[in-house]
Amino acid sequence: MSKVKILYVEDEPFLGRIVKESLEVRDFDVRMVADGKLVMSVFEEFRPDICVLDIMLPNKDGYSIAQDIRKSNASIPIIFVTAKTQTEDLLKGFEVGGNDYLRKPFSMEELIARVNNLLQLTQKLSNTPKESVLIGQYEFVPQRYELRHKGHVKKLSHREAMLLQILSEHQNQNIDRKTMLLRVWGDDSFFNSRNLDVYITKLRDYLKEDPSIEIITIKGVGYHFAVGN
């Protein structure tokens, strides 16, 4: 079995060396880049399975790098590693295509757990049927991370696609909040619960062109995905 390939972007030499060596000891194939402007050339050549990005970098920040990566690959998992703690910074990371966040300082065990969790989620989505799913006036193509409507195609992030997949499986049914959190994030922490709210808001916006579709919040339970005929 081939090793999991991690593109690790970090400009602090001491931290970078420790993390890289620790991951390699655990049998990951790691390519480290310290300069933001060099990331995309390495990304195209290395073709990683997952990206771990610092935000504050020389020449190009992690947010901009994530946007460039998303243009090249809509589905590859991206984890942001940062000392930033403001909610606005976290939300910006998700808006530009990040899948997860890890605050400095962090333990190697936590980083590896998040890497493995995202890789498992990616595998689950790639194993879903190739056929599209009809959601009201929309066509959802899980493996391509696409939501289509009247000739327009919306590219979804990994977690957006995961959540829409769950919703599509429960049309006109109630969906337990904890079930969604465990399936998409792997735990139901308060931070991930807030992330779920953000993603649901985004999906509501994506589906707003069809008035027969509504994601209804059921307090204390979860959501009801109402889809008209």
C-alpha atoms as a PDB file:
ATOM      1  CA  MET A   1       0.000   0.000   0.000  1.00  0.00           C
ATOM      2  CA  SER A   2       1.360   3.435  -0.947  1.00  0.00           C
ATOM      3  CA  LYS A   3       1.990   6.022   1.735  1.00  0.00           C
ATOM      4  CA  VAL A   4      -0.414   8.895   2.344  1.00  0.00           C
ATOM      5  CA  LYS A   5       1.118  12.034   0.824  1.00  0.00           C
ATOM      6  CA  ILE A   6       0.906  15.225   2.901  1.00  0.00           C
ATOM      7  CA  LEU A   7       1.773  18.677   1.586  1.00  0.00           C
ATOM      8  CA  TYR A   8       2.857  20.592   4.694  1.00  0.00           C
ATOM      9  CA  VAL A   9       3.239  24.379   4.397  1.00  0.00           C
ATOM     10  CA  GLU A  10       5.018  25.990   7.360  1.00  0.00           C
ATOM     11  CA  ASP A  11       7.622  28.761   7.537  1.00  0.00           C
ATOM     12  CA  GLU A  12       8.867  28.161  11.096  1.00  0.00           C
ATOM     13  CA  PRO A  13      11.924  25.909  10.530  1.00  0.00           C
ATOM     14  CA  PHE A  14      12.053  24.351  14.002  1.00  0.00           C
ATOM     15  CA  LEU A  15       8.337  23.531  14.174  1.00  0.00           C
ATOM     16  CA  GLY A  16       8.285  22.409  10.566  1.00  0.00           C
ATOM     17  CA  ARG A  17      11.157  19.996  11.028  1.00  0.00           C
ATOM     18  CA  ILE A  18       9.602  18.431  14.139  1.00  0.00           C
ATOM     19  CA  VAL A  19       6.192  17.960  12.512  1.00  0.00           C
ATOM     20  CA  LYS A  20       7.656  16.641   9.247  1.00  0.00           C
ATOM     21  CA  GLU A  21       9.892  14.110  10.987  1.00  0.00           C
ATOM     22  CA  SER A  22       7.099  13.027  13.342  1.00  0.00           C
ATOM     23  CA  LEU A  23       4.763  12.390  10.417  1.00  0.00           C
ATOM     24  CA  GLU A  24       7.444  10.512   8.476  1.00  0.00           C
ATOM     25  CA  VAL A  25       8.120   8.271  11.482  1.00  0.00           C
ATOM     26  CA  ARG A  26       4.413   7.377  11.337  1.00  0.00           C
ATOM     27  CA  ASP A  27       4.842   6.353   7.684  1.00  0.00           C
ATOM     28  CA  PHE A  28       3.437   9.447   5.940  1.00  0.00           C
ATOM     29  CA  ASP A  29       5.152  10.818   2.833  1.00  0.00           C
ATOM     30  CA  VAL A  30       5.632  14.531   3.614  1.00  0.00           C
ATOM     31  CA  ARG A  31       6.690  17.388   1.370  1.00  0.00           C
ATOM     32  CA  MET A  32       7.306  20.630   3.271  1.00  0.00           C
ATOM     33  CA  VAL A  33       7.234  24.114   1.738  1.00  0.00           C
ATOM     34  CA  ALA A  34       8.156  27.309   3.609  1.00  0.00           C
ATOM     35  CA  ASP A  35       7.429  29.963   0.975  1.00  0.00           C
ATOM     36  CA  GLY A  36       3.841  30.669  -0.058  1.00  0.00           C
ATOM     37  CA  LYS A  37       4.671  31.478  -3.659  1.00  0.00           C
ATOM     38  CA  LEU A  38       6.266  28.038  -4.184  1.00  0.00           C
ATOM     39  CA  VAL A  39       3.322  25.964  -2.955  1.00  0.00           C
ATOM     40  CA  MET A  40       1.342  25.489  -6.159  1.00  0.00           C
ATOM     41  CA  SER A  41       4.292  24.258  -8.193  1.00  0.00           C
ATOM     42  CA  VAL A  42       5.024  21.682  -5.482  1.00  0.00           C
ATOM     43  CA  PHE A  43       1.321  20.819  -5.255  1.00  0.00           C
ATOM     44  CA  GLU A  44       1.092  20.060  -8.983  1.00  0.00           C
ATOM     45  CA  GLU A  45       4.292  18.003  -8.954  1.00  0.00           C
ATOM     46  CA  PHE A  46       3.757  16.133  -5.654  1.00  0.00           C
ATOM     47  CA  ARG A  47      -0.015  15.498  -6.019  1.00  0.00           C
ATOM     48  CA  PRO A  48      -0.712  15.113  -2.292  1.00  0.00           C
ATOM     49  CA  ASP A  49      -3.633  13.322  -0.666  1.00  0.00           C
ATOM     50  CA  ILE A  50      -4.121  16.093   1.906  1.00  0.00           C
ATOM     51  CA  CYS A  51      -2.768  19.599   2.578  1.00  0.00           C
ATOM     52  CA  VAL A  52      -1.804  21.079   5.957  1.00  0.00           C
ATOM     53  CA  LEU A  53      -1.413  24.853   5.622  1.00  0.00           C
ATOM     54  CA  ASP A  54      -0.144  27.542   7.953  1.00  0.00           C
ATOM     55  CA  ILE A  55      -1.873  30.888   7.366  1.00  0.00           C
ATOM     56  CA  MET A  56       0.860  33.448   8.015  1.00  0.00           C
ATOM     57  CA  LEU A  57       3.472  32.785   5.328  1.00  0.00           C
ATOM     58  CA  PRO A  58       5.998  34.812   3.341  1.00  0.00           C
ATOM     59  CA  ASN A  59       4.897  36.066  -0.097  1.00  0.00           C
ATOM     60  CA  LYS A  60       1.468  34.394  -0.097  1.00  0.00           C
ATOM     61  CA  ASP A  61      -0.859  33.585   2.816  1.00  0.00           C
ATOM     62  CA  GLY A  62      -2.600  30.294   3.480  1.00  0.00           C
ATOM     63  CA  TYR A  63      -6.046  31.632   2.542  1.00  0.00           C
ATOM     64  CA  SER A  64      -4.860  32.550  -0.962  1.00  0.00           C
ATOM     65  CA  ILE A  65      -3.065  29.222  -1.319  1.00  0.00           C
ATOM     66  CA  ALA A  66      -6.230  27.337  -0.366  1.00  0.00           C
ATOM     67  CA  GLN A  67      -8.193  29.214  -3.037  1.00  0.00           C
ATOM     68  CA  ASP A  68      -5.568  28.283  -5.640  1.00  0.00           C
ATOM     69  CA  ILE A  69      -5.652  24.645  -4.544  1.00  0.00           C
ATOM     70  CA  ARG A  70      -9.454  24.588  -4.791  1.00  0.00           C
ATOM     71  CA  LYS A  71      -9.260  25.821  -8.396  1.00  0.00           C
ATOM     72  CA  SER A  72      -6.997  22.883  -9.182  1.00  0.00           C
ATOM     73  CA  ASN A  73      -8.681  20.247  -7.003  1.00  0.00           C
ATOM     74  CA  ALA A  74     -12.156  20.727  -5.517  1.00  0.00           C
ATOM     75  CA  SER A  75     -12.070  17.685  -3.269  1.00  0.00           C
ATOM     76  CA  ILE A  76      -8.633  17.429  -1.641  1.00  0.00           C
ATOM     77  CA  PRO A  77      -8.851  17.894   2.159  1.00  0.00           C
ATOM     78  CA  ILE A  78      -7.248  21.063   3.575  1.00  0.00           C
ATOM     79  CA  ILE A  79      -6.365  21.603   7.228  1.00  0.00           C
ATOM     80  CA  PHE A  80      -5.380  25.076   8.416  1.00  0.00           C
ATOM     81  CA  VAL A  81      -2.817  25.278  11.213  1.00  0.00           C
ATOM     82  CA  THR A  82      -2.627  28.692  12.835  1.00  0.00           C
ATOM     83  CA  ALA A  83      -2.089  30.737  15.961  1.00  0.00           C
ATOM     84  CA  LYS A  84      -5.089  32.884  15.004  1.00  0.00           C
ATOM     85  CA  THR A  85      -8.040  32.394  17.348  1.00  0.00           C
ATOM     86  CA  GLN A  86     -10.623  34.941  16.201  1.00  0.00           C
ATOM     87  CA  THR A  87     -13.911  33.492  14.956  1.00  0.00           C
ATOM     88  CA  GLU A  88     -13.679  35.666  11.842  1.00  0.00           C
ATOM     89  CA  ASP A  89     -10.359  34.047  10.950  1.00  0.00           C
ATOM     90  CA  LEU A  90     -11.779  30.559  11.392  1.00  0.00           C
ATOM     91  CA  LEU A  91     -14.833  31.319   9.262  1.00  0.00           C
ATOM     92  CA  LYS A  92     -12.662  32.840   6.540  1.00  0.00           C
ATOM     93  CA  GLY A  93     -10.689  29.615   6.423  1.00  0.00           C
ATOM     94  CA  PHE A  94     -13.834  27.607   5.769  1.00  0.00           C
ATOM     95  CA  GLU A  95     -15.096  30.136   3.226  1.00  0.00           C
ATOM     96  CA  VAL A  96     -11.959  29.769   1.072  1.00  0.00           C
ATOM     97  CA  GLY A  97     -12.187  25.978   1.059  1.00  0.00           C
ATOM     98  CA  GLY A  98     -10.663  24.702   4.299  1.00  0.00           C
ATOM     99  CA  ASN A  99     -12.039  21.495   5.791  1.00  0.00           C
ATOM    100  CA  ASP A 100     -10.627  21.722   9.304  1.00  0.00           C
ATOM    101  CA  TYR A 101      -8.698  23.952  11.715  1.00  0.00           C
ATOM    102  CA  LEU A 102      -5.943  23.174  14.182  1.00  0.00           C
ATOM    103  CA  ARG A 103      -4.752  25.815  16.625  1.00  0.00           C
ATOM    104  CA  LYS A 104      -1.090  26.184  17.598  1.00  0.00           C
ATOM    105  CA  PRO A 105       0.295  24.736  19.775  1.00  0.00           C
ATOM    106  CA  PHE A 106      -1.049  21.290  18.896  1.00  0.00           C
ATOM    107  CA  SER A 107      -0.125  17.690  19.592  1.00  0.00           C
ATOM    108  CA  MET A 108       0.971  15.306  16.857  1.00  0.00           C
ATOM    109  CA  GLU A 109      -1.758  12.906  17.981  1.00  0.00           C
ATOM    110  CA  GLU A 110      -4.418  15.540  17.296  1.00  0.00           C
ATOM    111  CA  LEU A 111      -2.967  16.416  13.898  1.00  0.00           C
ATOM    112  CA  ILE A 112      -2.800  12.766  12.854  1.00  0.00           C
ATOM    113  CA  ALA A 113      -6.337  12.120  14.113  1.00  0.00           C
ATOM    114  CA  ARG A 114      -7.650  15.019  12.022  1.00  0.00           C
ATOM    115  CA  VAL A 115      -5.676  13.906   8.962  1.00  0.00           C
ATOM    116  CA  ASN A 116      -7.013  10.359   9.214  1.00  0.00           C
ATOM    117  CA  ASN A 117     -10.573  11.559   9.835  1.00  0.00           C
ATOM    118  CA  LEU A 118     -10.586  13.786   6.752  1.00  0.00           C
ATOM    119  CA  LEU A 119      -9.065  11.059   4.590  1.00  0.00           C
ATOM    120  CA  GLN A 120     -11.772   8.626   5.740  1.00  0.00           C
ATOM    121  CA  LEU A 121     -14.509  11.149   4.968  1.00  0.00           C
ATOM    122  CA  THR A 122     -13.036  11.746   1.520  1.00  0.00           C
ATOM    123  CA  GLN A 123     -12.986   8.010   0.876  1.00  0.00           C
ATOM    124  CA  LYS A 124     -16.627   7.675   1.936  1.00  0.00           C
ATOM    125  CA  LEU A 125     -17.695  10.407  -0.457  1.00  0.00           C
ATOM    126  CA  SER A 126     -15.658   8.959  -3.330  1.00  0.00           C
ATOM    127  CA  ASN A 127     -17.398   5.628  -2.762  1.00  0.00           C
ATOM    128  CA  THR A 128     -20.886   7.092  -3.151  1.00  0.00           C
ATOM    129  CA  PRO A 129     -22.766   6.218  -6.366  1.00  0.00           C
ATOM    130  CA  LYS A 130     -21.594   8.095  -9.438  1.00  0.00           C
ATOM    131  CA  GLU A 131     -25.159   8.841 -10.487  1.00  0.00           C
ATOM    132  CA  SER A 132     -26.576  12.269  -9.769  1.00  0.00           C
ATOM    133  CA  VAL A 133     -29.266  12.868  -7.158  1.00  0.00           C
ATOM    134  CA  LEU A 134     -32.309  15.042  -7.851  1.00  0.00           C
ATOM    135  CA  ILE A 135     -33.150  17.549  -5.116  1.00  0.00           C
ATOM    136  CA  GLY A 136     -36.139  19.560  -6.263  1.00  0.00           C
ATOM    137  CA  GLN A 137     -34.997  21.544  -9.290  1.00  0.00           C
ATOM    138  CA  TYR A 138     -31.341  20.777  -8.529  1.00  0.00           C
ATOM    139  CA  GLU A 139     -29.057  17.969  -9.627  1.00  0.00           C
ATOM    140  CA  PHE A 140     -26.389  16.935  -7.120  1.00  0.00           C
ATOM    141  CA  VAL A 141     -23.365  14.963  -8.360  1.00  0.00           C
ATOM    142  CA  PRO A 142     -21.554  13.745  -5.213  1.00  0.00           C
ATOM    143  CA  GLN A 143     -18.325  12.469  -6.759  1.00  0.00           C
ATOM    144  CA  ARG A 144     -17.812  15.667  -8.740  1.00  0.00           C
ATOM    145  CA  TYR A 145     -18.723  17.934  -5.812  1.00  0.00           C
ATOM    146  CA  GLU A 146     -21.220  19.707  -8.062  1.00  0.00           C
ATOM    147  CA  LEU A 147     -24.670  21.200  -7.534  1.00  0.00           C
ATOM    148  CA  ARG A 148     -26.332  21.955 -10.871  1.00  0.00           C
ATOM    149  CA  HIS A 149     -29.308  24.213 -11.561  1.00  0.00           C
ATOM    150  CA  LYS A 150     -30.580  25.440 -14.932  1.00  0.00           C
ATOM    151  CA  GLY A 151     -27.214  25.235 -16.639  1.00  0.00           C
ATOM    152  CA  HIS A 152     -25.248  26.683 -13.742  1.00  0.00           C
ATOM    153  CA  VAL A 153     -22.761  24.546 -11.793  1.00  0.00           C
ATOM    154  CA  LYS A 154     -21.806  25.284  -8.168  1.00  0.00           C
ATOM    155  CA  LYS A 155     -18.590  23.620  -7.016  1.00  0.00           C
ATOM    156  CA  LEU A 156     -18.950  22.428  -3.418  1.00  0.00           C
ATOM    157  CA  SER A 157     -16.314  22.000  -0.751  1.00  0.00           C
ATOM    158  CA  HIS A 158     -15.714  18.563   0.730  1.00  0.00           C
ATOM    159  CA  ARG A 159     -17.847  19.148   3.828  1.00  0.00           C
ATOM    160  CA  GLU A 160     -20.567  20.939   1.876  1.00  0.00           C
ATOM    161  CA  ALA A 161     -20.829  17.869  -0.337  1.00  0.00           C
ATOM    162  CA  MET A 162     -20.836  15.533   2.672  1.00  0.00           C
ATOM    163  CA  LEU A 163     -23.670  17.454   4.326  1.00  0.00           C
ATOM    164  CA  LEU A 164     -25.682  17.705   1.123  1.00  0.00           C
ATOM    165  CA  GLN A 165     -25.215  13.959   0.656  1.00  0.00           C
ATOM    166  CA  ILE A 166     -26.713  13.360   4.112  1.00  0.00           C
ATOM    167  CA  LEU A 167     -29.584  15.757   3.423  1.00  0.00           C
ATOM    168  CA  SER A 168     -30.288  14.131   0.062  1.00  0.00           C
ATOM    169  CA  GLU A 169     -30.536  10.752   1.795  1.00  0.00           C
ATOM    170  CA  HIS A 170     -33.177  12.195   4.145  1.00  0.00           C
ATOM    171  CA  GLN A 171     -35.469  14.203   1.892  1.00  0.00           C
ATOM    172  CA  ASN A 172     -38.655  15.139   3.781  1.00  0.00           C
ATOM    173  CA  GLN A 173     -37.273  13.528   6.936  1.00  0.00           C
ATOM    174  CA  ASN A 174     -35.834  14.712  10.244  1.00  0.00           C
ATOM    175  CA  ILE A 175     -32.069  14.407  10.621  1.00  0.00           C
ATOM    176  CA  ASP A 176     -30.442  14.186  14.030  1.00  0.00           C
ATOM    177  CA  ARG A 177     -27.857  16.930  14.623  1.00  0.00           C
ATOM    178  CA  LYS A 178     -25.446  14.646  16.455  1.00  0.00           C
ATOM    179  CA  THR A 179     -25.578  12.096  13.652  1.00  0.00           C
ATOM    180  CA  MET A 180     -24.572  14.767  11.137  1.00  0.00           C
ATOM    181  CA  LEU A 181     -21.711  15.982  13.317  1.00  0.00           C
ATOM    182  CA  LEU A 182     -20.313  12.507  13.892  1.00  0.00           C
ATOM    183  CA  ARG A 183     -20.553  11.573  10.231  1.00  0.00           C
ATOM    184  CA  VAL A 184     -18.951  14.732   8.855  1.00  0.00           C
ATOM    185  CA  TRP A 185     -16.594  15.898  11.617  1.00  0.00           C
ATOM    186  CA  GLY A 186     -16.095  12.763  13.656  1.00  0.00           C
ATOM    187  CA  ASP A 187     -17.181  14.410  16.923  1.00  0.00           C
ATOM    188  CA  ASP A 188     -19.943  16.656  18.254  1.00  0.00           C
ATOM    189  CA  SER A 189     -17.880  19.332  20.007  1.00  0.00           C
ATOM    190  CA  PHE A 190     -19.248  22.848  20.472  1.00  0.00           C
ATOM    191  CA  PHE A 191     -16.799  24.223  17.885  1.00  0.00           C
ATOM    192  CA  ASN A 192     -17.881  21.703  15.249  1.00  0.00           C
ATOM    193  CA  SER A 193     -21.522  22.357  16.136  1.00  0.00           C
ATOM    194  CA  ARG A 194     -20.982  26.015  15.244  1.00  0.00           C
ATOM    195  CA  ASN A 195     -19.297  24.925  12.011  1.00  0.00           C
ATOM    196  CA  LEU A 196     -22.380  22.870  11.159  1.00  0.00           C
ATOM    197  CA  ASP A 197     -24.573  25.953  11.560  1.00  0.00           C
ATOM    198  CA  VAL A 198     -22.312  27.878   9.173  1.00  0.00           C
ATOM    199  CA  TYR A 199     -22.428  25.123   6.559  1.00  0.00           C
ATOM    200  CA  ILE A 200     -26.205  24.746   6.795  1.00  0.00           C
ATOM    201  CA  THR A 201     -26.554  28.499   6.186  1.00  0.00           C
ATOM    202  CA  LYS A 202     -24.369  28.158   3.088  1.00  0.00           C
ATOM    203  CA  LEU A 203     -26.393  25.224   1.764  1.00  0.00           C
ATOM    204  CA  ARG A 204     -29.617  27.165   2.285  1.00  0.00           C
ATOM    205  CA  ASP A 205     -28.148  29.926   0.144  1.00  0.00           C
ATOM    206  CA  TYR A 206     -27.085  27.468  -2.584  1.00  0.00           C
ATOM    207  CA  LEU A 207     -30.585  25.961  -2.717  1.00  0.00           C
ATOM    208  CA  LYS A 208     -32.571  29.209  -2.529  1.00  0.00           C
ATOM    209  CA  GLU A 209     -33.484  29.283  -6.240  1.00  0.00           C
ATOM    210  CA  ASP A 210     -36.019  26.506  -5.617  1.00  0.00           C
ATOM    211  CA  PRO A 211     -38.714  27.808  -3.213  1.00  0.00           C
ATOM    212  CA  SER A 212     -39.959  24.268  -2.587  1.00  0.00           C
ATOM    213  CA  ILE A 213     -36.721  23.378  -0.762  1.00  0.00           C
ATOM    214  CA  GLU A 214     -36.256  24.288   2.890  1.00  0.00           C
ATOM    215  CA  ILE A 215     -33.777  23.196   5.547  1.00  0.00           C
ATOM    216  CA  ILE A 216     -35.795  23.650   8.728  1.00  0.00           C
ATOM    217  CA  THR A 217     -34.072  23.865  12.091  1.00  0.00           C
ATOM    218  CA  ILE A 218     -35.780  21.732  14.741  1.00  0.00           C
ATOM    219  CA  LYS A 219     -34.587  22.959  18.108  1.00  0.00           C
ATOM    220  CA  GLY A 220     -33.158  20.216  20.286  1.00  0.00           C
ATOM    221  CA  VAL A 221     -33.322  17.684  17.441  1.00  0.00           C
ATOM    222  CA  GLY A 222     -31.572  18.748  14.283  1.00  0.00           C
ATOM    223  CA  TYR A 223     -33.024  19.550  10.871  1.00  0.00           C
ATOM    224  CA  HIS A 224     -35.888  18.653   8.581  1.00  0.00           C
ATOM    225  CA  PHE A 225     -35.033  18.667   4.862  1.00  0.00           C
ATOM    226  CA  ALA A 226     -38.271  19.619   3.117  1.00  0.00           C
ATOM    227  CA  VAL A 227     -38.309  19.080  -0.638  1.00  0.00           C
ATOM    228  CA  GLY A 228     -41.511  19.731  -2.588  1.00  0.00           C
ATOM    229  CA  ASN A 229     -42.620  17.877  -5.675  1.00  0.00           C
END
